[in-house]
PDB file of N, CA and C in Angstrom:
ATOM      1  N   MET A   1      52.273  29.237 103.103  1.00  0.00           N
ATOM      2  CA  MET A   1      52.459  28.392 104.404  1.00  0.00           C
ATOM      3  C   MET A   1      52.601  27.016 103.245  1.00  0.00           C
ATOM      4  N   ALA A   2      53.345  25.678 103.845  1.00  0.00           N
ATOM      5  CA  ALA A   2      53.343  24.381 103.493  1.00  0.00           C
ATOM      6  C   ALA A   2      52.018  24.078 103.745  1.00  0.00           C
ATOM      7  N   PRO A   3      51.350  23.452 103.215  1.00  0.00           N
ATOM      8  CA  PRO A   3      50.156  22.176 103.204  1.00  0.00           C
ATOM      9  C   PRO A   3      49.912  22.298 104.887  1.00  0.00           C
ATOM     10  N   ASP A   4      51.073  21.438 105.309  1.00  0.00           N
ATOM     11  CA  ASP A   4      51.373  20.673 106.131  1.00  0.00           C
ATOM     12  C   ASP A   4      51.561  21.785 107.899  1.00  0.00           C
ATOM     13  N   VAL A   5      51.806  23.502 107.705  1.00  0.00           N
ATOM     14  CA  VAL A   5      51.813  24.358 108.988  1.00  0.00           C
ATOM     15  C   VAL A   5      50.593  25.266 108.686  1.00  0.00           C
ATOM     16  N   TYR A   6      50.399  26.163 109.767  1.00  0.00           N
ATOM     17  CA  TYR A   6      49.235  26.597 109.528  1.00  0.00           C
ATOM     18  C   TYR A   6      50.064  27.871 110.589  1.00  0.00           C
ATOM     19  N   VAL A   7      48.816  28.601 110.968  1.00  0.00           N
ATOM     20  CA  VAL A   7      49.245  30.205 111.432  1.00  0.00           C
ATOM     21  C   VAL A   7      47.648  30.202 112.123  1.00  0.00           C
ATOM     22  N   ALA A   8      47.842  30.833 113.227  1.00  0.00           N
ATOM     23  CA  ALA A   8      46.837  31.480 114.605  1.00  0.00           C
ATOM     24  C   ALA A   8      46.547  32.013 114.652  1.00  0.00           C
ATOM     25  N   PRO A   9      45.455  33.108 115.392  1.00  0.00           N
ATOM     26  CA  PRO A   9      46.510  34.036 116.690  1.00  0.00           C
ATOM     27  C   PRO A   9      46.040  33.471 117.817  1.00  0.00           C
ATOM     28  N   GLN A  10      46.218  34.573 118.534  1.00  0.00           N
ATOM     29  CA  GLN A  10      46.262  33.842 119.970  1.00  0.00           C
ATOM     30  C   GLN A  10      45.515  32.328 120.548  1.00  0.00           C
ATOM     31  N   LEU A  11      46.219  31.433 120.825  1.00  0.00           N
ATOM     32  CA  LEU A  11      45.820  30.420 121.470  1.00  0.00           C
ATOM     33  C   LEU A  11      45.625  30.255 122.756  1.00  0.00           C
ATOM     34  N   PRO A  12      44.385  29.925 123.443  1.00  0.00           N
ATOM     35  CA  PRO A  12      44.619  29.221 125.122  1.00  0.00           C
ATOM     36  C   PRO A  12      44.547  27.871 125.824  1.00  0.00           C
ATOM     37  N   PRO A  13      45.526  27.560 126.145  1.00  0.00           N
ATOM     38  CA  PRO A  13      45.274  26.312 126.703  1.00  0.00           C
ATOM     39  C   PRO A  13      44.382  25.090 126.699  1.00  0.00           C
ATOM     40  N   GLU A  14      43.172  25.852 126.612  1.00  0.00           N
ATOM     41  CA  GLU A  14      42.176  24.417 126.362  1.00  0.00           C
ATOM     42  C   GLU A  14      42.297  24.415 124.745  1.00  0.00           C
ATOM     43  N   ALA A  15      42.786  24.960 124.382  1.00  0.00           N
ATOM     44  CA  ALA A  15      42.837  25.187 122.135  1.00  0.00           C
ATOM     45  C   ALA A  15      43.151  24.060 122.069  1.00  0.00           C
ATOM     46  N   MET A  16      44.352  23.624 122.809  1.00  0.00           N
ATOM     47  CA  MET A  16      45.713  22.218 122.398  1.00  0.00           C
ATOM     48  C   MET A  16      44.984  20.963 122.336  1.00  0.00           C
ATOM     49  N   ALA A  17      43.347  20.476 123.043  1.00  0.00           N
ATOM     50  CA  ALA A  17      43.221  19.639 122.816  1.00  0.00           C
ATOM     51  C   ALA A  17      42.197  19.263 121.887  1.00  0.00           C
ATOM     52  N   GLU A  18      41.733  20.099 121.857  1.00  0.00           N
ATOM     53  CA  GLU A  18      41.483  21.068 120.234  1.00  0.00           C
ATOM     54  C   GLU A  18      42.199  20.574 119.135  1.00  0.00           C
ATOM     55  N   ALA A  19      43.281  21.359 119.056  1.00  0.00           N
ATOM     56  CA  ALA A  19      44.222  21.131 118.547  1.00  0.00           C
ATOM     57  C   ALA A  19      44.717  19.675 117.675  1.00  0.00           C
ATOM     58  N   ALA A  20      45.192  18.568 118.424  1.00  0.00           N
ATOM     59  CA  ALA A  20      45.596  18.021 118.614  1.00  0.00           C
ATOM     60  C   ALA A  20      43.990  16.638 117.980  1.00  0.00           C
ATOM     61  N   ARG A  21      42.950  17.240 118.741  1.00  0.00           N
ATOM     62  CA  ARG A  21      41.738  16.093 117.666  1.00  0.00           C
ATOM     63  C   ARG A  21      42.207  17.252 116.277  1.00  0.00           C
ATOM     64  N   ALA A  22      42.560  17.604 115.743  1.00  0.00           N
ATOM     65  CA  ALA A  22      42.234  18.293 114.365  1.00  0.00           C
ATOM     66  C   ALA A  22      43.294  17.559 113.915  1.00  0.00           C
ATOM     67  N   GLY A  23      43.567  17.158 114.420  1.00  0.00           N
ATOM     68  CA  GLY A  23      45.370  16.307 113.516  1.00  0.00           C
ATOM     69  C   GLY A  23      46.797  17.238 114.055  1.00  0.00           C
ATOM     70  N   PHE A  24      46.812  17.598 114.218  1.00  0.00           N
ATOM     71  CA  PHE A  24      48.266  18.558 114.475  1.00  0.00           C
ATOM     72  C   PHE A  24      49.051  17.476 115.448  1.00  0.00           C
ATOM     73  N   ARG A  25      50.408  18.308 115.483  1.00  0.00           N
ATOM     74  CA  ARG A  25      51.249  17.222 116.207  1.00  0.00           C
ATOM     75  C   ARG A  25      52.516  17.842 116.933  1.00  0.00           C
ATOM     76  N   SER A  26      52.634  19.693 116.415  1.00  0.00           N
ATOM     77  CA  SER A  26      53.371  20.293 116.793  1.00  0.00           C
ATOM     78  C   SER A  26      52.592  21.413 117.384  1.00  0.00           C
ATOM     79  N   VAL A  27      53.163  22.049 118.375  1.00  0.00           N
ATOM     80  CA  VAL A  27      52.761  23.548 118.146  1.00  0.00           C
ATOM     81  C   VAL A  27      53.981  24.857 118.584  1.00  0.00           C
ATOM     82  N   ILE A  28      54.062  26.302 118.017  1.00  0.00           N
ATOM     83  CA  ILE A  28      55.343  27.036 117.979  1.00  0.00           C
ATOM     84  C   ILE A  28      54.363  28.023 118.137  1.00  0.00           C
ATOM     85  N   ASN A  29      54.310  28.587 119.720  1.00  0.00           N
ATOM     86  CA  ASN A  29      54.090  29.796 120.130  1.00  0.00           C
ATOM     87  C   ASN A  29      55.049  31.103 120.319  1.00  0.00           C
ATOM     88  N   ASN A  30      54.707  32.250 119.186  1.00  0.00           N
ATOM     89  CA  ASN A  30      56.269  33.146 118.853  1.00  0.00           C
ATOM     90  C   ASN A  30      55.320  34.021 119.384  1.00  0.00           C
ATOM     91  N   ARG A  31      55.230  33.509 121.011  1.00  0.00           N
ATOM     92  CA  ARG A  31      54.118  34.703 121.925  1.00  0.00           C
ATOM     93  C   ARG A  31      55.120  35.060 122.869  1.00  0.00           C
ATOM     94  N   PRO A  32      55.726  36.544 123.266  1.00  0.00           N
ATOM     95  CA  PRO A  32      55.773  36.237 124.794  1.00  0.00           C
ATOM     96  C   PRO A  32      54.963  36.670 125.494  1.00  0.00           C
ATOM     97  N   ASP A  33      55.987  36.095 126.718  1.00  0.00           N
ATOM     98  CA  ASP A  33      54.835  36.324 127.769  1.00  0.00           C
ATOM     99  C   ASP A  33      54.619  37.724 128.852  1.00  0.00           C
ATOM    100  N   HIS A  34      53.288  37.262 128.395  1.00  0.00           N
ATOM    101  CA  HIS A  34      52.762  39.116 129.169  1.00  0.00           C
ATOM    102  C   HIS A  34      52.667  39.546 128.667  1.00  0.00           C
ATOM    103  N   GLU A  35      52.572  39.358 126.863  1.00  0.00           N
ATOM    104  CA  GLU A  35      53.855  41.183 125.864  1.00  0.00           C
ATOM    105  C   GLU A  35      52.841  42.451 125.934  1.00  0.00           C
ATOM    106  N   HIS A  36      51.019  41.841 126.336  1.00  0.00           N
ATOM    107  CA  HIS A  36      49.623  42.791 126.536  1.00  0.00           C
ATOM    108  C   HIS A  36      49.003  42.606 127.774  1.00  0.00           C
ATOM    109  N   GLY A  37      49.764  41.805 129.117  1.00  0.00           N
ATOM    110  CA  GLY A  37      49.728  41.872 130.364  1.00  0.00           C
ATOM    111  C   GLY A  37      49.408  40.851 130.425  1.00  0.00           C
ATOM    112  N   PRO A  38      49.377  40.732 132.106  1.00  0.00           N
ATOM    113  CA  PRO A  38      48.865  38.898 133.206  1.00  0.00           C
ATOM    114  C   PRO A  38      47.109  38.502 132.303  1.00  0.00           C
ATOM    115  N   GLY A  39      46.674  38.779 131.346  1.00  0.00           N
ATOM    116  CA  GLY A  39      45.145  37.873 131.277  1.00  0.00           C
ATOM    117  C   GLY A  39      46.040  37.181 130.014  1.00  0.00           C
ATOM    118  N   GLN A  40      47.199  37.828 129.680  1.00  0.00           N
ATOM    119  CA  GLN A  40      47.828  36.848 128.347  1.00  0.00           C
ATOM    120  C   GLN A  40      48.032  35.198 129.242  1.00  0.00           C
ATOM    121  N   PRO A  41      47.232  33.987 128.449  1.00  0.00           N
ATOM    122  CA  PRO A  41      48.566  32.605 128.904  1.00  0.00           C
ATOM    123  C   PRO A  41      49.756  32.281 129.180  1.00  0.00           C
ATOM    124  N   THR A  42      50.692  32.268 130.090  1.00  0.00           N
ATOM    125  CA  THR A  42      52.048  31.991 130.051  1.00  0.00           C
ATOM    126  C   THR A  42      52.248  30.871 128.862  1.00  0.00           C
ATOM    127  N   SER A  43      53.228  30.906 128.376  1.00  0.00           N
ATOM    128  CA  SER A  43      54.094  29.939 127.944  1.00  0.00           C
ATOM    129  C   SER A  43      53.734  28.180 128.656  1.00  0.00           C
ATOM    130  N   ALA A  44      54.047  28.796 130.035  1.00  0.00           N
ATOM    131  CA  ALA A  44      54.148  27.446 130.492  1.00  0.00           C
ATOM    132  C   ALA A  44      52.023  26.865 131.179  1.00  0.00           C
ATOM    133  N   GLU A  45      51.771  27.868 130.980  1.00  0.00           N
ATOM    134  CA  GLU A  45      50.679  26.832 130.576  1.00  0.00           C
ATOM    135  C   GLU A  45      50.010  26.464 129.648  1.00  0.00           C
ATOM    136  N   ILE A  46      49.788  27.166 128.016  1.00  0.00           N
ATOM    137  CA  ILE A  46      49.702  26.017 127.003  1.00  0.00           C
ATOM    138  C   ILE A  46      51.101  24.595 126.908  1.00  0.00           C
ATOM    139  N   GLU A  47      51.857  25.304 127.298  1.00  0.00           N
ATOM    140  CA  GLU A  47      53.457  23.810 126.780  1.00  0.00           C
ATOM    141  C   GLU A  47      52.284  22.712 128.314  1.00  0.00           C
ATOM    142  N   THR A  48      52.082  23.059 129.080  1.00  0.00           N
ATOM    143  CA  THR A  48      51.053  22.307 130.120  1.00  0.00           C
ATOM    144  C   THR A  48      50.412  20.910 129.238  1.00  0.00           C
ATOM    145  N   ALA A  49      49.184  22.248 128.312  1.00  0.00           N
ATOM    146  CA  ALA A  49      47.456  21.592 127.981  1.00  0.00           C
ATOM    147  C   ALA A  49      48.264  20.774 126.475  1.00  0.00           C
ATOM    148  N   ALA A  50      49.284  21.288 126.078  1.00  0.00           N
ATOM    149  CA  ALA A  50      49.582  20.874 124.779  1.00  0.00           C
ATOM    150  C   ALA A  50      50.588  19.147 124.777  1.00  0.00           C
ATOM    151  N   ARG A  51      51.376  19.139 125.901  1.00  0.00           N
ATOM    152  CA  ARG A  51      51.271  18.116 126.381  1.00  0.00           C
ATOM    153  C   ARG A  51      50.973  16.751 127.012  1.00  0.00           C
ATOM    154  N   ALA A  52      49.430  17.375 127.412  1.00  0.00           N
ATOM    155  CA  ALA A  52      48.808  16.574 127.894  1.00  0.00           C
ATOM    156  C   ALA A  52      47.885  16.517 126.936  1.00  0.00           C
ATOM    157  N   ALA A  53      48.014  16.617 125.517  1.00  0.00           N
ATOM    158  CA  ALA A  53      47.248  16.389 124.262  1.00  0.00           C
ATOM    159  C   ALA A  53      47.808  15.567 123.694  1.00  0.00           C
ATOM    160  N   GLY A  54      49.609  15.727 123.855  1.00  0.00           N
ATOM    161  CA  GLY A  54      49.800  13.909 122.637  1.00  0.00           C
ATOM    162  C   GLY A  54      50.780  15.511 122.223  1.00  0.00           C
ATOM    163  N   LEU A  55      50.403  16.467 122.022  1.00  0.00           N
ATOM    164  CA  LEU A  55      51.354  17.431 121.123  1.00  0.00           C
ATOM    165  C   LEU A  55      53.017  17.699 121.275  1.00  0.00           C
ATOM    166  N   GLU A  56      53.743  18.062 120.888  1.00  0.00           N
ATOM    167  CA  GLU A  56      55.598  18.299 120.303  1.00  0.00           C
ATOM    168  C   GLU A  56      54.879  19.712 121.131  1.00  0.00           C
ATOM    169  N   TYR A  57      55.439  20.820 121.659  1.00  0.00           N
ATOM    170  CA  TYR A  57      55.454  22.106 121.912  1.00  0.00           C
ATOM    171  C   TYR A  57      56.784  22.841 122.307  1.00  0.00           C
ATOM    172  N   ARG A  58      57.058  24.086 121.705  1.00  0.00           N
ATOM    173  CA  ARG A  58      57.858  24.561 122.112  1.00  0.00           C
ATOM    174  C   ARG A  58      57.888  25.940 121.799  1.00  0.00           C
ATOM    175  N   HIS A  59      58.340  27.254 122.624  1.00  0.00           N
ATOM    176  CA  HIS A  59      58.276  28.613 122.909  1.00  0.00           C
ATOM    177  C   HIS A  59      59.066  29.337 122.014  1.00  0.00           C
ATOM    178  N   LEU A  60      59.057  29.851 120.621  1.00  0.00           N
ATOM    179  CA  LEU A  60      60.072  30.969 120.191  1.00  0.00           C
ATOM    180  C   LEU A  60      58.773  31.994 120.306  1.00  0.00           C
ATOM    181  N   PRO A  61      59.913  32.856 121.413  1.00  0.00           N
ATOM    182  CA  PRO A  61      59.005  34.476 121.170  1.00  0.00           C
ATOM    183  C   PRO A  61      59.411  35.790 120.382  1.00  0.00           C
ATOM    184  N   VAL A  62      58.476  35.812 119.932  1.00  0.00           N
ATOM    185  CA  VAL A  62      59.969  36.829 118.296  1.00  0.00           C
ATOM    186  C   VAL A  62      58.722  38.224 118.669  1.00  0.00           C
ATOM    187  N   ALA A  63      59.652  39.445 119.106  1.00  0.00           N
ATOM    188  CA  ALA A  63      59.328  41.084 118.746  1.00  0.00           C
ATOM    189  C   ALA A  63      58.077  40.904 117.744  1.00  0.00           C
ATOM    190  N   GLY A  64      56.441  42.036 117.564  1.00  0.00           N
ATOM    191  CA  GLY A  64      56.072  41.560 116.332  1.00  0.00           C
ATOM    192  C   GLY A  64      56.685  42.451 114.775  1.00  0.00           C
ATOM    193  N   GLY A  65      57.927  43.595 115.780  1.00  0.00           N
ATOM    194  CA  GLY A  65      58.280  44.305 113.775  1.00  0.00           C
ATOM    195  C   GLY A  65      59.401  44.310 113.285  1.00  0.00           C
ATOM    196  N   TYR A  66      59.936  42.755 114.656  1.00  0.00           N
ATOM    197  CA  TYR A  66      61.206  42.588 114.008  1.00  0.00           C
ATOM    198  C   TYR A  66      61.891  41.212 115.168  1.00  0.00           C
ATOM    199  N   GLN A  67      61.814  40.041 113.548  1.00  0.00           N
ATOM    200  CA  GLN A  67      63.079  38.961 113.903  1.00  0.00           C
ATOM    201  C   GLN A  67      63.811  39.066 113.273  1.00  0.00           C
ATOM    202  N   SER A  68      65.111  38.927 114.069  1.00  0.00           N
ATOM    203  CA  SER A  68      66.757  39.003 114.531  1.00  0.00           C
ATOM    204  C   SER A  68      67.279  37.324 113.377  1.00  0.00           C
ATOM    205  N   PRO A  69      68.156  37.592 113.007  1.00  0.00           N
ATOM    206  CA  PRO A  69      68.325  36.656 112.026  1.00  0.00           C
ATOM    207  C   PRO A  69      69.060  34.544 112.606  1.00  0.00           C
ATOM    208  N   GLU A  70      69.090  35.145 113.952  1.00  0.00           N
ATOM    209  CA  GLU A  70      68.813  34.173 114.814  1.00  0.00           C
ATOM    210  C   GLU A  70      67.951  32.821 115.663  1.00  0.00           C
ATOM    211  N   GLU A  71      66.667  34.336 115.636  1.00  0.00           N
ATOM    212  CA  GLU A  71      65.572  34.034 115.737  1.00  0.00           C
ATOM    213  C   GLU A  71      64.998  33.234 114.377  1.00  0.00           C
ATOM    214  N   ILE A  72      65.499  33.106 113.304  1.00  0.00           N
ATOM    215  CA  ILE A  72      64.838  32.998 112.114  1.00  0.00           C
ATOM    216  C   ILE A  72      65.689  31.953 111.804  1.00  0.00           C
ATOM    217  N   ALA A  73      66.651  31.581 112.473  1.00  0.00           N
ATOM    218  CA  ALA A  73      67.528  30.047 112.030  1.00  0.00           C
ATOM    219  C   ALA A  73      66.824  29.600 112.725  1.00  0.00           C
ATOM    220  N   ALA A  74      65.790  30.127 113.622  1.00  0.00           N
ATOM    221  CA  ALA A  74      65.719  29.027 115.091  1.00  0.00           C
ATOM    222  C   ALA A  74      64.182  28.559 114.934  1.00  0.00           C
ATOM    223  N   CYS A  75      63.553  29.550 114.062  1.00  0.00           N
ATOM    224  CA  CYS A  75      61.853  28.895 114.188  1.00  0.00           C
ATOM    225  C   CYS A  75      62.291  28.489 112.354  1.00  0.00           C
ATOM    226  N   ALA A  76      63.576  27.954 111.574  1.00  0.00           N
ATOM    227  CA  ALA A  76      63.590  27.564 110.754  1.00  0.00           C
ATOM    228  C   ALA A  76      64.078  25.609 111.058  1.00  0.00           C
ATOM    229  N   ALA A  77      64.764  25.742 111.957  1.00  0.00           N
ATOM    230  CA  ALA A  77      64.864  24.677 112.950  1.00  0.00           C
ATOM    231  C   ALA A  77      64.424  23.973 113.503  1.00  0.00           C
ATOM    232  N   LEU A  78      63.549  24.117 113.692  1.00  0.00           N
ATOM    233  CA  LEU A  78      61.889  24.041 114.348  1.00  0.00           C
ATOM    234  C   LEU A  78      61.217  23.609 113.128  1.00  0.00           C
ATOM    235  N   LEU A  79      61.340  24.328 112.221  1.00  0.00           N
ATOM    236  CA  LEU A  79      60.446  23.524 111.355  1.00  0.00           C
ATOM    237  C   LEU A  79      61.169  22.556 110.876  1.00  0.00           C
ATOM    238  N   ARG A  80      62.029  21.905 110.562  1.00  0.00           N
ATOM    239  CA  ARG A  80      62.944  20.331 110.524  1.00  0.00           C
ATOM    240  C   ARG A  80      63.123  19.743 111.064  1.00  0.00           C
ATOM    241  N   GLU A  81      62.820  19.757 112.586  1.00  0.00           N
ATOM    242  CA  GLU A  81      63.186  19.323 113.745  1.00  0.00           C
ATOM    243  C   GLU A  81      61.297  18.839 114.045  1.00  0.00           C
ATOM    244  N   LEU A  82      60.202  19.211 114.008  1.00  0.00           N
ATOM    245  CA  LEU A  82      59.017  18.658 114.724  1.00  0.00           C
ATOM    246  C   LEU A  82      58.221  18.887 113.287  1.00  0.00           C
ATOM    247  N   PRO A  83      57.495  17.637 113.581  1.00  0.00           N
ATOM    248  CA  PRO A  83      56.421  16.683 113.149  1.00  0.00           C
ATOM    249  C   PRO A  83      55.100  17.520 113.447  1.00  0.00           C
ATOM    250  N   ARG A  84      54.929  17.126 111.701  1.00  0.00           N
ATOM    251  CA  ARG A  84      53.457  17.981 111.424  1.00  0.00           C
ATOM    252  C   ARG A  84      52.706  16.744 110.974  1.00  0.00           C
ATOM    253  N   PRO A  85      51.625  17.673 110.847  1.00  0.00           N
ATOM    254  CA  PRO A  85      51.158  19.185 110.759  1.00  0.00           C
ATOM    255  C   PRO A  85      51.335  19.764 112.029  1.00  0.00           C
ATOM    256  N   LEU A  86      51.713  21.279 111.653  1.00  0.00           N
ATOM    257  CA  LEU A  86      52.571  22.500 112.680  1.00  0.00           C
ATOM    258  C   LEU A  86      51.308  23.570 112.535  1.00  0.00           C
ATOM    259  N   LEU A  87      51.330  23.898 114.474  1.00  0.00           N
ATOM    260  CA  LEU A  87      50.190  25.095 114.288  1.00  0.00           C
ATOM    261  C   LEU A  87      51.413  25.836 114.793  1.00  0.00           C
ATOM    262  N   MET A  88      51.662  27.000 114.202  1.00  0.00           N
ATOM    263  CA  MET A  88      52.318  28.336 114.472  1.00  0.00           C
ATOM    264  C   MET A  88      51.565  29.309 115.349  1.00  0.00           C
ATOM    265  N   PHE A  89      51.189  30.377 116.203  1.00  0.00           N
ATOM    266  CA  PHE A  89      50.580  31.223 116.437  1.00  0.00           C
ATOM    267  C   PHE A  89      51.083  32.644 117.252  1.00  0.00           C
ATOM    268  N   CYS A  90      50.687  33.446 117.086  1.00  0.00           N
ATOM    269  CA  CYS A  90      50.805  34.909 117.437  1.00  0.00           C
ATOM    270  C   CYS A  90      49.249  35.374 118.551  1.00  0.00           C
ATOM    271  N   ARG A  91      49.583  36.449 118.601  1.00  0.00           N
ATOM    272  CA  ARG A  91      49.129  37.447 119.329  1.00  0.00           C
ATOM    273  C   ARG A  91      47.714  37.256 117.648  1.00  0.00           C
ATOM    274  N   SER A  92      48.090  38.140 116.426  1.00  0.00           N
ATOM    275  CA  SER A  92      47.595  37.876 115.992  1.00  0.00           C
ATOM    276  C   SER A  92      47.600  37.096 114.249  1.00  0.00           C
ATOM    277  N   GLY A  93      48.420  36.543 114.946  1.00  0.00           N
ATOM    278  CA  GLY A  93      48.947  35.994 113.465  1.00  0.00           C
ATOM    279  C   GLY A  93      49.821  36.407 112.339  1.00  0.00           C
ATOM    280  N   SER A  94      49.902  37.469 112.482  1.00  0.00           N
ATOM    281  CA  SER A  94      50.977  38.632 111.650  1.00  0.00           C
ATOM    282  C   SER A  94      51.968  38.079 111.669  1.00  0.00           C
ATOM    283  N   ARG A  95      52.827  38.197 112.660  1.00  0.00           N
ATOM    284  CA  ARG A  95      53.830  38.050 113.161  1.00  0.00           C
ATOM    285  C   ARG A  95      54.848  36.152 112.513  1.00  0.00           C
ATOM    286  N   SER A  96      53.775  34.675 113.760  1.00  0.00           N
ATOM    287  CA  SER A  96      54.060  33.661 113.015  1.00  0.00           C
ATOM    288  C   SER A  96      54.087  33.785 111.409  1.00  0.00           C
ATOM    289  N   ALA A  97      53.285  33.795 109.947  1.00  0.00           N
ATOM    290  CA  ALA A  97      53.558  34.451 109.492  1.00  0.00           C
ATOM    291  C   ALA A  97      54.632  34.783 109.106  1.00  0.00           C
ATOM    292  N   ARG A  98      54.558  36.146 108.849  1.00  0.00           N
ATOM    293  CA  ARG A  98      56.255  36.596 108.915  1.00  0.00           C
ATOM    294  C   ARG A  98      57.198  35.577 109.438  1.00  0.00           C
ATOM    295  N   LEU A  99      57.501  35.280 109.844  1.00  0.00           N
ATOM    296  CA  LEU A  99      58.103  33.573 110.411  1.00  0.00           C
ATOM    297  C   LEU A  99      58.827  33.241 109.667  1.00  0.00           C
ATOM    298  N   TYR A 100      57.483  32.793 109.534  1.00  0.00           N
ATOM    299  CA  TYR A 100      57.023  31.136 108.564  1.00  0.00           C
ATOM    300  C   TYR A 100      58.153  32.038 107.786  1.00  0.00           C
ATOM    301  N   GLN A 101      57.933  32.512 106.673  1.00  0.00           N
ATOM    302  CA  GLN A 101      58.169  33.323 105.947  1.00  0.00           C
ATOM    303  C   GLN A 101      59.392  33.808 105.367  1.00  0.00           C
ATOM    304  N   LEU A 102      60.160  34.152 105.908  1.00  0.00           N
ATOM    305  CA  LEU A 102      61.886  34.519 106.547  1.00  0.00           C
ATOM    306  C   LEU A 102      62.784  33.139 107.194  1.00  0.00           C
ATOM    307  N   ALA A 103      62.325  31.744 107.834  1.00  0.00           N
ATOM    308  CA  ALA A 103      62.183  31.181 108.253  1.00  0.00           C
ATOM    309  C   ALA A 103      62.250  29.984 106.572  1.00  0.00           C
ATOM    310  N   THR A 104      61.954  29.976 105.657  1.00  0.00           N
ATOM    311  CA  THR A 104      61.351  29.338 104.688  1.00  0.00           C
ATOM    312  C   THR A 104      62.379  29.872 103.207  1.00  0.00           C
ATOM    313  N   ALA A 105      62.703  31.233 103.913  1.00  0.00           N
ATOM    314  CA  ALA A 105      62.694  32.002 102.507  1.00  0.00           C
ATOM    315  C   ALA A 105      64.121  31.749 101.432  1.00  0.00           C
ATOM    316  N   GLY A 106      65.311  30.379 101.566  1.00  0.00           N
ATOM    317  CA  GLY A 106      66.178  30.091 100.852  1.00  0.00           C
ATOM    318  C   GLY A 106      66.417  29.858  99.942  1.00  0.00           C
TER     319      GLY A 106
END
C-alpha cells in the first residue's frame, strides 16, 4: 500500500466520523450491498454518514474472487482522483488490498 492508502474490514456508518477525525479524506467501499444478508449496512447508509463527516465517498462493489479489468481500471481512476489519505474497505479487507495491488501494478 501507498503510505496514504489504507485497507480495513467492513465499516459501519458510525465509523465514518471516526475516519474523518483520524485524518482520512476519502473512502472507497468495495463491498456489494447485501452481500451477506440484510444486517450489512448499505452503501447509501455509509455514504450519508461519510458525507456528513466531510469525506469523499465512492462505492465500487467487486466480487471477492474476481475483479474484472473494468473494475481494476475504475479503482485506478478513483485512486488518482480522490483526495488522500484514503481508506478502502470490504468484508475482511482482503479484496480491497487485492484490488489496490491490481490497480497500481502498472
